[in-house]
Amino acid sequence: MINEKIKEALKKFCSYMNEQSKKLGLENSSWAVAHGMFHPRNFSTAYDIAKLTHVALLKHKVLVEVVNVKTLMTQSKNTTAHVYKWENTNKLLWDTSGRYGQSAFFGVKTGTTPSAGPCLSVTYRDQGFDLIVVVLNCESHDARFVEVPILTRWAILKLLQRQQKQ
């Protein structure tokens, strides 16, 4: 009985996600499971993920905080001697190439699925730029943390060239 209620709630949640996606103009996305793991009817594009990232960060300030936590530790309620430690899998949070030796990269989502491969959606804020960079199907888990800074530098260079022409 509880499993059926959970199944129905998750189905409604996915339906809601798809309705909201259409309202946001995410034309190439479909959500079939709430957890985001592989499902044949779960799909999206880098462009749609960038749009979703933008809206989510604007509308949910707590998300901005949560996706930028590097490490979180909490003591077990069952075993007081045990401390749980979670470390953010977004290695760019530790990058020190930004202003004042701080990372210019923030959040948002790392992931891996069979169809999308190693993925990453991040924001970059430095040098007067505020960018969202999304990579899908990277060569390896570590490659996404190499590719995003390269793409970011390329985008900034292109934007600067465009500004100079104007």
Foldseek 3Di string as FASTA:
>chain_A
DVVVVVVVVQQVVQVVVVVVLVVLVQPAAHDDGDVQADDPRGDGDQVSVQSVVVVCVVVPVVLQVVQLDAKDWDADPVDRVDIDMDGRLQPQQCQQPAPPRGRQKGGDDWDAYPVFGTKGWIWGDGPNDTDIDIHTNAPHNVRVNVVVVVVVVVVVVVVVVVVVVD
